[in-house]
Amino acid sequence: MAAAVAALLGCLLLGWLLPIARHRRIRRAGNGSRARIVAAWQRAIEMFADAERPMLRAASPSEVVLLAADLLDDAGRTALRGLADLATLALFDDGTTGRWDEASGRRAADEAWRLLDGLERAVRRVVSRHRRLGRRISPRTVRTELRRLRRTAPAPHRAAHRSAGPGESDVPERATVGGDYR
């Protein structure tokens, strides 16, 4: 009995803290403006999966906007469209111009996270607190959050300070739109 209560409390605690820790780590990651925008987009995709509206793996940002339109209010749709536009630029830009390293790139990354905050507020208005809480503390979600946290863990010390070389992208390889968000 005590073990079951301890497991339940552990699941509750992990379900509450893991998303917060991962969200902060991703938001503060200094991997470049493109990577920050892609991370914000990935968080938006994960948020829809958490709201039991998973997106297709191969869906483009514009398709995600269409698929999520009936879930969101006007403010949420506006935030999602803006984030999708930034994500499209970040995902499909060849990165040869160097504009992502300039002040405008940093402002675009900050704007992506501002739009994501608005999108999160819109989803919270639509999805009930009871449903969000139940999903957040379920063992399956805790397991998924542990995997996500491991994926966003900092690289080893040597690799963390290596900048992208010529012809290399500053966007992580697994930073694609269609990850496994089950």
C-alpha atoms as a PDB file:
ATOM      1  CA  MET A   1       0.000   0.000   0.000  1.00  0.00           C
ATOM      2  CA  ALA A   2       2.767   2.432   0.924  1.00  0.00           C
ATOM      3  CA  ALA A   3       4.621   1.604  -2.294  1.00  0.00           C
ATOM      4  CA  ALA A   4       1.518   2.351  -4.360  1.00  0.00           C
ATOM      5  CA  VAL A   5       1.028   5.693  -2.615  1.00  0.00           C
ATOM      6  CA  ALA A   6       4.715   6.542  -3.112  1.00  0.00           C
ATOM      7  CA  ALA A   7       4.481   5.614  -6.802  1.00  0.00           C
ATOM      8  CA  LEU A   8       1.346   7.726  -7.188  1.00  0.00           C
ATOM      9  CA  LEU A   9       2.956  10.721  -5.469  1.00  0.00           C
ATOM     10  CA  GLY A  10       6.106  10.286  -7.571  1.00  0.00           C
ATOM     11  CA  CYS A  11       4.028  10.214 -10.743  1.00  0.00           C
ATOM     12  CA  LEU A  12       2.153  13.327  -9.653  1.00  0.00           C
ATOM     13  CA  LEU A  13       5.362  15.173  -8.843  1.00  0.00           C
ATOM     14  CA  LEU A  14       7.088  14.152 -12.071  1.00  0.00           C
ATOM     15  CA  GLY A  15       3.980  14.928 -14.099  1.00  0.00           C
ATOM     16  CA  TRP A  16       3.953  18.407 -12.657  1.00  0.00           C
ATOM     17  CA  LEU A  17       7.675  19.258 -12.787  1.00  0.00           C
ATOM     18  CA  LEU A  18       9.014  17.573 -15.941  1.00  0.00           C
ATOM     19  CA  PRO A  19       7.149  19.716 -18.494  1.00  0.00           C
ATOM     20  CA  ILE A  20       8.204  22.872 -16.659  1.00  0.00           C
ATOM     21  CA  ALA A  21      11.873  21.826 -16.546  1.00  0.00           C
ATOM     22  CA  ARG A  22      11.949  20.808 -20.212  1.00  0.00           C
ATOM     23  CA  HIS A  23      10.132  23.943 -21.341  1.00  0.00           C
ATOM     24  CA  ARG A  24      12.622  26.175 -19.507  1.00  0.00           C
ATOM     25  CA  ARG A  25      15.609  24.276 -20.862  1.00  0.00           C
ATOM     26  CA  ILE A  26      14.396  24.530 -24.445  1.00  0.00           C
ATOM     27  CA  ARG A  27      13.467  28.192 -24.141  1.00  0.00           C
ATOM     28  CA  ARG A  28      16.875  29.172 -22.778  1.00  0.00           C
ATOM     29  CA  ALA A  29      18.901  27.023 -25.140  1.00  0.00           C
ATOM     30  CA  GLY A  30      21.521  29.116 -26.871  1.00  0.00           C
ATOM     31  CA  ASN A  31      21.658  27.068 -30.074  1.00  0.00           C
ATOM     32  CA  GLY A  32      20.881  29.977 -32.349  1.00  0.00           C
ATOM     33  CA  SER A  33      17.743  31.775 -33.410  1.00  0.00           C
ATOM     34  CA  ARG A  34      16.659  29.149 -35.946  1.00  0.00           C
ATOM     35  CA  ALA A  35      16.907  26.393 -33.355  1.00  0.00           C
ATOM     36  CA  ARG A  36      14.891  28.442 -30.853  1.00  0.00           C
ATOM     37  CA  ILE A  37      12.133  29.018 -33.413  1.00  0.00           C
ATOM     38  CA  VAL A  38      12.050  25.334 -34.347  1.00  0.00           C
ATOM     39  CA  ALA A  39      11.943  24.421 -30.635  1.00  0.00           C
ATOM     40  CA  ALA A  40       8.951  26.735 -30.152  1.00  0.00           C
ATOM     41  CA  TRP A  41       7.244  25.080 -33.125  1.00  0.00           C
ATOM     42  CA  GLN A  42       7.955  21.623 -31.745  1.00  0.00           C
ATOM     43  CA  ARG A  43       6.469  22.679 -28.415  1.00  0.00           C
ATOM     44  CA  ALA A  44       3.323  23.832 -30.245  1.00  0.00           C
ATOM     45  CA  ILE A  45       3.051  20.430 -31.948  1.00  0.00           C
ATOM     46  CA  GLU A  46       3.535  18.682 -28.587  1.00  0.00           C
ATOM     47  CA  MET A  47       0.916  20.928 -27.033  1.00  0.00           C
ATOM     48  CA  PHE A  48      -1.662  19.790 -29.577  1.00  0.00           C
ATOM     49  CA  ALA A  49      -0.785  16.169 -28.849  1.00  0.00           C
ATOM     50  CA  ASP A  50      -1.190  16.897 -25.129  1.00  0.00           C
ATOM     51  CA  ALA A  51      -4.617  18.379 -25.914  1.00  0.00           C
ATOM     52  CA  GLU A  52      -5.462  15.047 -27.592  1.00  0.00           C
ATOM     53  CA  ARG A  53      -5.210  16.597 -31.050  1.00  0.00           C
ATOM     54  CA  PRO A  54      -2.017  15.025 -32.416  1.00  0.00           C
ATOM     55  CA  MET A  55      -0.788  16.346 -35.721  1.00  0.00           C
ATOM     56  CA  LEU A  56       0.302  14.206 -38.642  1.00  0.00           C
ATOM     57  CA  ARG A  57       4.050  13.581 -38.777  1.00  0.00           C
ATOM     58  CA  ALA A  58       4.365  14.941 -42.302  1.00  0.00           C
ATOM     59  CA  ALA A  59       2.133  17.985 -41.774  1.00  0.00           C
ATOM     60  CA  SER A  60       3.629  21.274 -42.867  1.00  0.00           C
ATOM     61  CA  PRO A  61       3.192  24.341 -40.648  1.00  0.00           C
ATOM     62  CA  SER A  62       0.369  25.610 -42.870  1.00  0.00           C
ATOM     63  CA  GLU A  63      -1.372  22.226 -42.651  1.00  0.00           C
ATOM     64  CA  VAL A  64      -1.072  22.296 -38.846  1.00  0.00           C
ATOM     65  CA  VAL A  65      -2.795  25.684 -38.869  1.00  0.00           C
ATOM     66  CA  LEU A  66      -5.683  24.204 -40.868  1.00  0.00           C
ATOM     67  CA  LEU A  67      -5.906  21.072 -38.709  1.00  0.00           C
ATOM     68  CA  ALA A  68      -5.946  23.022 -35.446  1.00  0.00           C
ATOM     69  CA  ALA A  69      -8.256  25.835 -36.573  1.00  0.00           C
ATOM     70  CA  ASP A  70     -11.417  24.407 -35.003  1.00  0.00           C
ATOM     71  CA  LEU A  71      -9.687  23.847 -31.640  1.00  0.00           C
ATOM     72  CA  LEU A  72      -8.630  27.480 -31.146  1.00  0.00           C
ATOM     73  CA  ASP A  73     -10.298  30.847 -30.725  1.00  0.00           C
ATOM     74  CA  ASP A  74      -9.356  33.873 -32.855  1.00  0.00           C
ATOM     75  CA  ALA A  75      -6.402  34.861 -30.659  1.00  0.00           C
ATOM     76  CA  GLY A  76      -5.065  31.300 -30.728  1.00  0.00           C
ATOM     77  CA  ARG A  77      -5.411  31.030 -34.498  1.00  0.00           C
ATOM     78  CA  THR A  78      -3.574  34.334 -34.944  1.00  0.00           C
ATOM     79  CA  ALA A  79      -0.737  33.188 -32.673  1.00  0.00           C
ATOM     80  CA  LEU A  80      -0.546  29.823 -34.443  1.00  0.00           C
ATOM     81  CA  ARG A  81      -0.429  31.435 -37.905  1.00  0.00           C
ATOM     82  CA  GLY A  82       2.377  33.759 -36.831  1.00  0.00           C
ATOM     83  CA  LEU A  83       4.341  30.911 -35.274  1.00  0.00           C
ATOM     84  CA  ALA A  84       3.770  28.751 -38.360  1.00  0.00           C
ATOM     85  CA  ASP A  85       5.142  31.517 -40.597  1.00  0.00           C
ATOM     86  CA  LEU A  86       8.287  31.826 -38.472  1.00  0.00           C
ATOM     87  CA  ALA A  87       8.657  28.042 -38.325  1.00  0.00           C
ATOM     88  CA  THR A  88       8.371  27.794 -42.104  1.00  0.00           C
ATOM     89  CA  LEU A  89      11.149  30.351 -42.499  1.00  0.00           C
ATOM     90  CA  ALA A  90      13.348  28.635 -39.922  1.00  0.00           C
ATOM     91  CA  LEU A  91      12.755  25.101 -41.177  1.00  0.00           C
ATOM     92  CA  PHE A  92      13.141  25.736 -44.878  1.00  0.00           C
ATOM     93  CA  ASP A  93      15.737  28.515 -45.031  1.00  0.00           C
ATOM     94  CA  ASP A  94      19.090  27.277 -46.288  1.00  0.00           C
ATOM     95  CA  GLY A  95      20.913  29.357 -43.665  1.00  0.00           C
ATOM     96  CA  THR A  96      23.523  30.730 -46.020  1.00  0.00           C
ATOM     97  CA  THR A  97      22.687  34.403 -45.504  1.00  0.00           C
ATOM     98  CA  GLY A  98      23.587  34.485 -41.805  1.00  0.00           C
ATOM     99  CA  ARG A  99      20.494  36.521 -40.968  1.00  0.00           C
ATOM    100  CA  TRP A 100      19.590  34.223 -38.094  1.00  0.00           C
ATOM    101  CA  ASP A 101      22.667  35.361 -36.177  1.00  0.00           C
ATOM    102  CA  GLU A 102      21.754  39.044 -36.463  1.00  0.00           C
ATOM    103  CA  ALA A 103      19.511  41.062 -34.165  1.00  0.00           C
ATOM    104  CA  SER A 104      16.526  40.437 -36.452  1.00  0.00           C
ATOM    105  CA  GLY A 105      16.993  36.677 -36.031  1.00  0.00           C
ATOM    106  CA  ARG A 106      17.091  37.027 -32.259  1.00  0.00           C
ATOM    107  CA  ARG A 107      13.950  39.175 -32.358  1.00  0.00           C
ATOM    108  CA  ALA A 108      12.224  36.552 -34.519  1.00  0.00           C
ATOM    109  CA  ALA A 109      13.111  33.849 -31.973  1.00  0.00           C
ATOM    110  CA  ASP A 110      11.773  35.993 -29.124  1.00  0.00           C
ATOM    111  CA  GLU A 111       8.600  36.618 -31.126  1.00  0.00           C
ATOM    112  CA  ALA A 112       8.183  32.863 -31.724  1.00  0.00           C
ATOM    113  CA  TRP A 113       8.194  32.244 -27.987  1.00  0.00           C
ATOM    114  CA  ARG A 114       5.823  35.160 -27.379  1.00  0.00           C
ATOM    115  CA  LEU A 115       3.436  33.660 -29.946  1.00  0.00           C
ATOM    116  CA  LEU A 116       3.787  30.248 -28.306  1.00  0.00           C
ATOM    117  CA  ASP A 117       2.815  31.762 -24.948  1.00  0.00           C
ATOM    118  CA  GLY A 118      -0.333  33.188 -26.560  1.00  0.00           C
ATOM    119  CA  LEU A 119      -1.071  29.845 -28.172  1.00  0.00           C
ATOM    120  CA  GLU A 120      -0.693  28.065 -24.824  1.00  0.00           C
ATOM    121  CA  ARG A 121      -3.154  30.499 -23.233  1.00  0.00           C
ATOM    122  CA  ALA A 122      -5.627  29.828 -26.059  1.00  0.00           C
ATOM    123  CA  VAL A 123      -5.335  26.055 -25.619  1.00  0.00           C
ATOM    124  CA  ARG A 124      -5.798  26.411 -21.852  1.00  0.00           C
ATOM    125  CA  ARG A 125      -9.034  28.340 -22.501  1.00  0.00           C
ATOM    126  CA  VAL A 126     -10.379  25.544 -24.700  1.00  0.00           C
ATOM    127  CA  VAL A 127      -9.160  22.358 -22.990  1.00  0.00           C
ATOM    128  CA  SER A 128     -10.629  21.882 -19.521  1.00  0.00           C
ATOM    129  CA  ARG A 129      -8.367  22.013 -16.469  1.00  0.00           C
ATOM    130  CA  HIS A 130      -9.517  18.537 -15.414  1.00  0.00           C
ATOM    131  CA  ARG A 131      -8.554  17.063 -18.788  1.00  0.00           C
ATOM    132  CA  ARG A 132      -5.173  18.854 -18.845  1.00  0.00           C
ATOM    133  CA  LEU A 133      -4.355  17.751 -15.288  1.00  0.00           C
ATOM    134  CA  GLY A 134      -5.395  14.141 -15.940  1.00  0.00           C
ATOM    135  CA  ARG A 135      -3.261  14.015 -19.041  1.00  0.00           C
ATOM    136  CA  ARG A 136      -0.278  15.650 -17.322  1.00  0.00           C
ATOM    137  CA  ILE A 137      -0.094  13.204 -14.404  1.00  0.00           C
ATOM    138  CA  SER A 138      -0.812  10.010 -16.303  1.00  0.00           C
ATOM    139  CA  PRO A 139       2.074   7.488 -16.269  1.00  0.00           C
ATOM    140  CA  ARG A 140       2.189   7.482 -20.069  1.00  0.00           C
ATOM    141  CA  THR A 141       2.676  11.257 -20.156  1.00  0.00           C
ATOM    142  CA  VAL A 142       5.351  11.097 -17.457  1.00  0.00           C
ATOM    143  CA  ARG A 143       7.215   8.482 -19.495  1.00  0.00           C
ATOM    144  CA  THR A 144       6.903  10.638 -22.616  1.00  0.00           C
ATOM    145  CA  GLU A 145       8.120  13.722 -20.730  1.00  0.00           C
ATOM    146  CA  LEU A 146      11.160  11.811 -19.474  1.00  0.00           C
ATOM    147  CA  ARG A 147      11.991  10.885 -23.076  1.00  0.00           C
ATOM    148  CA  ARG A 148      11.492  14.473 -24.235  1.00  0.00           C
ATOM    149  CA  LEU A 149      13.685  15.779 -21.413  1.00  0.00           C
ATOM    150  CA  ARG A 150      16.460  13.362 -22.383  1.00  0.00           C
ATOM    151  CA  ARG A 151      16.178  14.496 -26.018  1.00  0.00           C
ATOM    152  CA  THR A 152      16.619  18.134 -25.027  1.00  0.00           C
ATOM    153  CA  ALA A 153      19.464  17.450 -22.592  1.00  0.00           C
ATOM    154  CA  PRO A 154      22.595  19.506 -23.263  1.00  0.00           C
ATOM    155  CA  ALA A 155      25.220  17.906 -25.461  1.00  0.00           C
ATOM    156  CA  PRO A 156      28.549  16.840 -23.936  1.00  0.00           C
ATOM    157  CA  HIS A 157      30.802  19.748 -22.924  1.00  0.00           C
ATOM    158  CA  ARG A 158      33.024  19.689 -26.010  1.00  0.00           C
ATOM    159  CA  ALA A 159      30.170  19.578 -28.482  1.00  0.00           C
ATOM    160  CA  ALA A 160      28.130  22.228 -26.662  1.00  0.00           C
ATOM    161  CA  HIS A 161      30.615  24.954 -27.579  1.00  0.00           C
ATOM    162  CA  ARG A 162      31.187  23.912 -31.182  1.00  0.00           C
ATOM    163  CA  SER A 163      29.504  26.258 -33.610  1.00  0.00           C
ATOM    164  CA  ALA A 164      28.097  25.069 -36.892  1.00  0.00           C
ATOM    165  CA  GLY A 165      30.778  24.892 -39.545  1.00  0.00           C
ATOM    166  CA  PRO A 166      30.476  25.805 -43.197  1.00  0.00           C
ATOM    167  CA  GLY A 167      27.573  23.998 -44.796  1.00  0.00           C
ATOM    168  CA  GLU A 168      26.272  22.779 -41.411  1.00  0.00           C
ATOM    169  CA  SER A 169      22.986  23.860 -39.914  1.00  0.00           C
ATOM    170  CA  ASP A 170      22.660  25.261 -36.410  1.00  0.00           C
ATOM    171  CA  VAL A 171      19.292  23.456 -36.179  1.00  0.00           C
ATOM    172  CA  PRO A 172      19.565  20.047 -34.445  1.00  0.00           C
ATOM    173  CA  GLU A 173      19.047  17.057 -36.708  1.00  0.00           C
ATOM    174  CA  ARG A 174      15.964  15.842 -34.852  1.00  0.00           C
ATOM    175  CA  ALA A 175      14.366  19.308 -34.988  1.00  0.00           C
ATOM    176  CA  THR A 176      11.816  18.377 -37.624  1.00  0.00           C
ATOM    177  CA  VAL A 177       8.128  19.029 -37.585  1.00  0.00           C
ATOM    178  CA  GLY A 178       6.955  15.414 -37.386  1.00  0.00           C
ATOM    179  CA  GLY A 179       8.494  13.708 -34.357  1.00  0.00           C
ATOM    180  CA  ASP A 180       6.845  10.945 -32.373  1.00  0.00           C
ATOM    181  CA  TYR A 181       4.488  12.830 -30.071  1.00  0.00           C
ATOM    182  CA  ARG A 182       2.411   9.994 -28.747  1.00  0.00           C
END
